[in-house]
Amino acid sequence: METTVYSPSFLVKGELFEFKSPKIMSIINITPDSFFDGDANVDLSARLHQIEHALEEGADFLDLGAQSTRPGAERISAEEELQRLLPVLEATVLRFPEARISVDTFYSAVAKESVLRGADMINDISAGSIDANMFSTVAELQVPYVLMHMQGEPQTMQASPEYKNCSNEVFQFLAQKVRFLRSLGVKDLMIDLGFGFGKRLEDNYELLENMDLFHALSCPILTGLSRKSMINKVLKTKAEEALNGSTALHMKALNKGAQMLRVHDTKEAKECILLHQQFKNA
């Protein structure tokens, strides 16, 4: 059954960015140890070619991340994160001035410096739980903010996640955070249920099935399913082999009202959205 959702808009680069149809956030990993395609040693020219390719294939946002958040990843400092991030961010702003750029960080210092250097959105996997200054910083910056549910931290989140009612607990967590951010004057919020972040296999699929319930929070929903272990554990595949499984779950998420897909494979995600829109218009 198709889920009908409202069409909110964000202010990005001084213009309204509307969610009349689902959008694509393309993952740009600037890390040496991402679970799929990270490599901090890729030269800047090759990185810009990757970004250009994503934009040509239909990316609505680029999500630049310089801190690995795969299960068990070792945390680096804000300073090291900025050393990895800023050369790519600054070159992207210069080369592609119309590109909408999100920065994937849980550090308020990285968020602030990134926006000052041209970033348009902050994507925080911790929803302000790691850095207590993040919410006040986002309120000061007045840029769109993605808050995600995660049980624990990347180093420990998959050790022994446990829920009595996963969907309810994630909903209550996000609802509380949204209310607080609204009280601080943060206008443009997007929620992410946190697939694979402190979740058991059954938790991930329960959340996906119940994702339409989260529209009650009146925030667009970003969905990160691309090439994750929740696919590989079922299909007995590796991340490199999980494109087909990613597309299948993307269509499920779109049927549940996802308004942005965070993906490694931009072209295939774009095709998925176009086919989904054709069904809607039939």
Protein backbone atom coordinates (compact mmCIF):
# COMPACT_ATOMS: atom_id res chain seq x y z
CA MET A 1 0.00 0.00 0.00
CA GLU A 2 1.31 3.43 -0.99
CA THR A 3 1.97 5.90 1.82
CA THR A 4 0.89 9.48 1.16
CA VAL A 5 3.09 12.13 2.78
CA TYR A 6 3.19 15.90 2.80
CA SER A 7 5.75 17.84 0.74
CA PRO A 8 7.84 20.03 3.04
CA SER A 9 10.56 22.37 1.84
CA PHE A 10 13.97 23.43 3.14
CA LEU A 11 15.83 26.67 2.62
CA VAL A 12 19.07 25.74 0.84
CA LYS A 13 21.44 28.30 -0.69
CA GLY A 14 18.75 30.93 -0.16
CA GLU A 15 16.18 29.01 -2.22
CA LEU A 16 13.36 26.62 -1.40
CA PHE A 17 14.30 22.97 -1.84
CA GLU A 18 11.02 21.06 -2.11
CA PHE A 19 10.26 17.38 -1.54
CA LYS A 20 7.51 17.08 -4.14
CA SER A 21 9.22 13.86 -5.22
CA PRO A 22 11.84 11.70 -3.43
CA LYS A 23 15.42 12.95 -3.56
CA ILE A 24 18.87 11.38 -3.62
CA MET A 25 21.77 11.97 -1.24
CA SER A 26 24.96 10.52 -2.72
CA ILE A 27 27.57 9.22 -0.28
CA ILE A 28 31.09 10.63 -0.64
CA ASN A 29 33.28 8.78 1.87
CA ILE A 30 36.57 10.50 2.69
CA THR A 31 37.68 7.74 5.05
CA PRO A 32 40.17 4.88 4.89
CA ASP A 33 37.91 2.32 6.52
CA SER A 34 34.32 2.68 5.34
CA PHE A 35 32.47 -0.64 5.08
CA PHE A 36 32.11 -0.19 1.31
CA ASP A 37 33.96 2.51 -0.61
CA GLY A 38 36.00 4.68 1.72
CA ASP A 39 39.55 5.70 0.90
CA ALA A 40 41.15 8.79 2.45
CA ASN A 41 44.13 8.43 0.11
CA VAL A 42 42.23 9.07 -3.14
CA ASP A 43 43.71 12.20 -4.70
CA LEU A 44 41.60 15.33 -4.95
CA SER A 45 41.23 15.14 -8.73
CA ALA A 46 39.79 11.62 -8.51
CA ARG A 47 37.48 12.68 -5.68
CA LEU A 48 36.14 15.59 -7.74
CA HIS A 49 35.57 13.22 -10.65
CA GLN A 50 33.54 10.97 -8.33
CA ILE A 51 31.49 13.98 -7.22
CA GLU A 52 30.95 15.16 -10.80
CA HIS A 53 29.77 11.67 -11.74
CA ALA A 54 27.28 11.61 -8.84
CA LEU A 55 25.89 15.00 -9.83
CA GLU A 56 25.55 13.96 -13.47
CA GLU A 57 23.66 10.85 -12.39
CA GLY A 58 21.12 12.87 -10.42
CA ALA A 59 22.40 13.53 -6.90
CA ASP A 60 20.31 16.18 -5.15
CA PHE A 61 22.72 16.31 -2.21
CA LEU A 62 26.30 15.19 -1.74
CA ASP A 63 27.01 13.77 1.73
CA LEU A 64 30.68 14.27 2.58
CA GLY A 65 31.89 12.14 5.48
CA ALA A 66 35.41 12.07 6.90
CA GLN A 67 34.68 9.95 9.98
CA SER A 68 33.94 6.25 9.53
CA THR A 69 30.79 5.16 11.37
CA ARG A 70 30.82 1.49 10.44
CA PRO A 71 30.37 -0.91 13.40
CA GLY A 72 33.54 -0.96 15.49
CA ALA A 73 35.08 2.07 13.81
CA GLU A 74 37.68 3.95 15.83
CA ARG A 75 36.70 7.54 16.49
CA ILE A 76 39.00 10.30 15.25
CA SER A 77 39.19 13.84 16.64
CA ALA A 78 37.38 16.84 15.20
CA GLU A 79 40.75 18.22 14.14
CA GLU A 80 41.67 15.11 12.14
CA GLU A 81 38.19 14.98 10.65
CA LEU A 82 38.55 18.56 9.42
CA GLN A 83 41.98 17.81 7.94
CA ARG A 84 40.40 15.08 5.82
CA LEU A 85 37.22 16.97 5.03
CA LEU A 86 38.08 20.58 4.27
CA PRO A 87 40.23 20.11 1.13
CA VAL A 88 37.41 18.11 -0.51
CA LEU A 89 34.67 20.44 0.73
CA GLU A 90 36.43 23.60 -0.41
CA ALA A 91 37.31 22.13 -3.81
CA THR A 92 33.72 20.94 -4.29
CA VAL A 93 32.29 24.37 -3.45
CA LEU A 94 34.70 25.98 -5.92
CA ARG A 95 34.24 23.46 -8.74
CA PHE A 96 30.49 22.84 -8.32
CA PRO A 97 29.02 26.03 -6.79
CA GLU A 98 25.43 24.90 -7.40
CA ALA A 99 25.89 21.54 -5.64
CA ARG A 100 24.04 21.06 -2.36
CA ILE A 101 26.47 19.72 0.21
CA SER A 102 25.73 17.84 3.40
CA VAL A 103 28.48 17.06 5.92
CA ASP A 104 28.21 13.83 7.87
CA THR A 105 29.56 14.64 11.35
CA PHE A 106 28.68 14.41 15.03
CA TYR A 107 31.10 17.17 16.07
CA SER A 108 29.70 20.70 16.48
CA ALA A 109 33.10 22.22 15.62
CA VAL A 110 33.17 20.32 12.33
CA ALA A 111 29.58 21.33 11.62
CA LYS A 112 30.29 25.01 12.18
CA GLU A 113 33.51 25.10 10.18
CA SER A 114 31.89 23.16 7.33
CA VAL A 115 29.00 25.59 7.03
CA LEU A 116 31.39 28.53 7.12
CA ARG A 117 33.27 26.89 4.21
CA GLY A 118 30.12 26.35 2.13
CA ALA A 119 28.24 23.26 3.39
CA ASP A 120 24.43 23.46 3.28
CA MET A 121 23.29 20.68 5.65
CA ILE A 122 24.52 18.74 8.68
CA ASN A 123 23.90 15.00 8.91
CA ASP A 124 24.44 13.78 12.49
CA ILE A 125 24.23 10.05 13.20
CA SER A 126 24.14 10.73 16.94
CA ALA A 127 21.25 13.25 16.97
CA GLY A 128 23.29 15.42 19.31
CA SER A 129 24.07 12.60 21.72
CA ILE A 130 27.86 12.63 21.22
CA ASP A 131 28.49 16.39 21.22
CA ALA A 132 26.30 18.37 23.63
CA ASN A 133 26.95 21.56 21.66
CA MET A 134 25.57 20.25 18.38
CA PHE A 135 21.96 21.40 18.83
CA SER A 136 22.87 24.94 19.86
CA THR A 137 25.33 25.09 16.96
CA VAL A 138 22.71 23.99 14.44
CA ALA A 139 20.28 26.55 15.88
CA GLU A 140 22.93 29.23 15.41
CA LEU A 141 23.80 28.13 11.88
CA GLN A 142 20.16 27.76 10.76
CA VAL A 143 20.91 25.07 8.19
CA PRO A 144 18.91 21.87 7.59
CA TYR A 145 19.81 19.16 10.11
CA VAL A 146 19.43 15.38 9.83
CA LEU A 147 19.07 13.62 13.18
CA MET A 148 19.42 9.86 13.31
CA HIS A 149 18.61 7.25 15.93
CA MET A 150 21.53 5.13 17.10
CA GLN A 151 21.66 2.85 20.13
CA GLY A 152 25.15 3.25 21.61
CA GLU A 153 28.10 4.51 19.55
CA PRO A 154 29.79 3.15 16.40
CA GLN A 155 32.47 1.42 18.47
CA THR A 156 29.91 -0.65 20.43
CA MET A 157 26.51 -0.28 18.76
CA GLN A 158 26.37 -3.79 17.26
CA ALA A 159 27.75 -5.60 20.32
CA SER A 160 24.35 -6.48 21.82
CA PRO A 161 21.55 -4.12 20.74
CA GLU A 162 18.30 -4.79 22.56
CA TYR A 163 14.77 -3.38 22.38
CA LYS A 164 11.42 -4.19 23.92
CA ASN A 165 9.64 -2.43 21.07
CA CYS A 166 12.10 -1.09 18.52
CA SER A 167 9.71 1.07 16.49
CA ASN A 168 8.19 2.68 19.58
CA GLU A 169 11.58 3.35 21.19
CA VAL A 170 13.02 4.89 18.03
CA PHE A 171 9.87 7.00 17.59
CA GLN A 172 10.00 8.31 21.15
CA PHE A 173 13.72 9.10 20.84
CA LEU A 174 13.26 11.07 17.64
CA ALA A 175 10.10 12.80 18.88
CA GLN A 176 11.89 14.08 21.96
CA LYS A 177 14.83 15.35 19.92
CA VAL A 178 12.56 17.03 17.36
CA ARG A 179 10.58 18.82 20.08
CA PHE A 180 13.77 20.12 21.69
CA LEU A 181 15.25 21.29 18.39
CA ARG A 182 12.00 23.07 17.52
CA SER A 183 12.14 24.82 20.89
CA LEU A 184 15.60 26.11 19.94
CA GLY A 185 14.25 27.53 16.70
CA VAL A 186 15.62 24.92 14.30
CA LYS A 187 13.20 24.97 11.37
CA ASP A 188 14.47 22.48 8.80
CA LEU A 189 14.71 18.98 10.25
CA MET A 190 14.97 15.55 8.64
CA ILE A 191 14.80 12.26 10.52
CA ASP A 192 16.70 9.03 9.90
CA LEU A 193 15.61 5.82 11.66
CA GLY A 194 19.19 4.57 11.74
CA PHE A 195 19.09 1.27 9.89
CA GLY A 196 22.11 -0.77 10.96
CA PHE A 197 23.06 1.53 13.82
CA GLY A 198 22.54 -0.43 17.01
CA LYS A 199 19.88 -2.66 15.47
CA ARG A 200 19.42 -6.40 15.15
CA LEU A 201 18.42 -7.82 11.78
CA GLU A 202 14.77 -8.14 12.85
CA ASP A 203 14.80 -4.58 14.22
CA ASN A 204 15.85 -3.19 10.84
CA TYR A 205 13.03 -4.91 8.99
CA GLU A 206 10.47 -4.01 11.65
CA LEU A 207 11.47 -0.34 11.32
CA LEU A 208 11.24 -0.48 7.54
CA GLU A 209 7.78 -2.01 7.72
CA ASN A 210 6.66 0.64 10.22
CA MET A 211 8.44 3.58 8.63
CA ASP A 212 5.20 5.24 7.51
CA LEU A 213 4.25 5.77 11.17
CA PHE A 214 7.15 8.22 11.53
CA HIS A 215 5.46 10.78 9.29
CA ALA A 216 3.55 11.77 12.43
CA LEU A 217 6.72 13.68 13.42
CA SER A 218 6.14 16.09 10.50
CA CYS A 219 9.71 15.78 9.24
CA PRO A 220 10.87 14.36 5.91
CA ILE A 221 12.46 10.94 6.26
CA LEU A 222 15.96 10.14 5.04
CA THR A 223 16.57 6.42 4.55
CA GLY A 224 20.04 4.84 4.59
CA LEU A 225 19.77 1.24 3.38
CA SER A 226 22.44 1.15 0.69
CA ARG A 227 24.56 -2.04 0.70
CA LYS A 228 24.09 -2.57 4.44
CA SER A 229 24.46 -5.81 6.37
CA MET A 230 20.68 -6.12 6.74
CA ILE A 231 20.76 -7.01 3.04
CA ASN A 232 23.86 -9.17 3.11
CA LYS A 233 22.76 -11.27 6.10
CA VAL A 234 19.59 -12.28 4.26
CA LEU A 235 21.07 -12.77 0.79
CA LYS A 236 24.44 -14.15 1.96
CA THR A 237 26.23 -11.48 -0.05
CA LYS A 238 29.00 -8.95 0.54
CA ALA A 239 28.61 -5.18 0.33
CA GLU A 240 30.10 -5.22 -3.19
CA GLU A 241 27.33 -7.62 -4.28
CA ALA A 242 24.40 -5.83 -2.61
CA LEU A 243 23.24 -3.44 -5.33
CA ASN A 244 20.20 -5.50 -6.27
CA GLY A 245 19.20 -5.94 -2.65
CA SER A 246 19.65 -2.21 -2.06
CA THR A 247 17.32 -1.39 -4.94
CA ALA A 248 14.67 -3.79 -3.63
CA LEU A 249 14.70 -2.16 -0.20
CA HIS A 250 14.76 1.32 -1.72
CA MET A 251 11.48 0.59 -3.49
CA LYS A 252 9.99 -0.63 -0.20
CA ALA A 253 11.17 2.56 1.52
CA LEU A 254 9.68 4.73 -1.22
CA ASN A 255 6.36 2.93 -0.83
CA LYS A 256 6.53 3.77 2.88
CA GLY A 257 7.09 7.45 2.12
CA ALA A 258 10.87 7.93 2.21
CA GLN A 259 11.65 11.41 0.93
CA MET A 260 15.39 11.02 0.52
CA LEU A 261 17.53 7.96 -0.21
CA ARG A 262 21.14 8.05 0.99
CA VAL A 263 22.99 5.87 -1.49
CA HIS A 264 26.29 4.68 -2.91
CA ASP A 265 24.79 4.08 -6.37
CA THR A 266 23.21 7.27 -7.65
CA LYS A 267 22.10 6.14 -11.13
CA GLU A 268 20.32 3.04 -9.86
CA ALA A 269 18.61 4.98 -7.05
CA LYS A 270 17.45 7.59 -9.56
CA GLU A 271 15.97 4.86 -11.76
CA CYS A 272 14.21 3.39 -8.73
CA ILE A 273 12.64 6.77 -7.94
CA LEU A 274 11.56 7.31 -11.55
CA LEU A 275 9.83 3.92 -11.66
CA HIS A 276 8.20 4.58 -8.31
CA GLN A 277 6.90 7.92 -9.54
CA GLN A 278 5.49 6.22 -12.63
CA PHE A 279 3.50 3.84 -10.42
CA LYS A 280 2.22 6.80 -8.38
CA ASN A 281 1.07 8.60 -11.53
CA ALA A 282 -0.59 5.53 -13.06
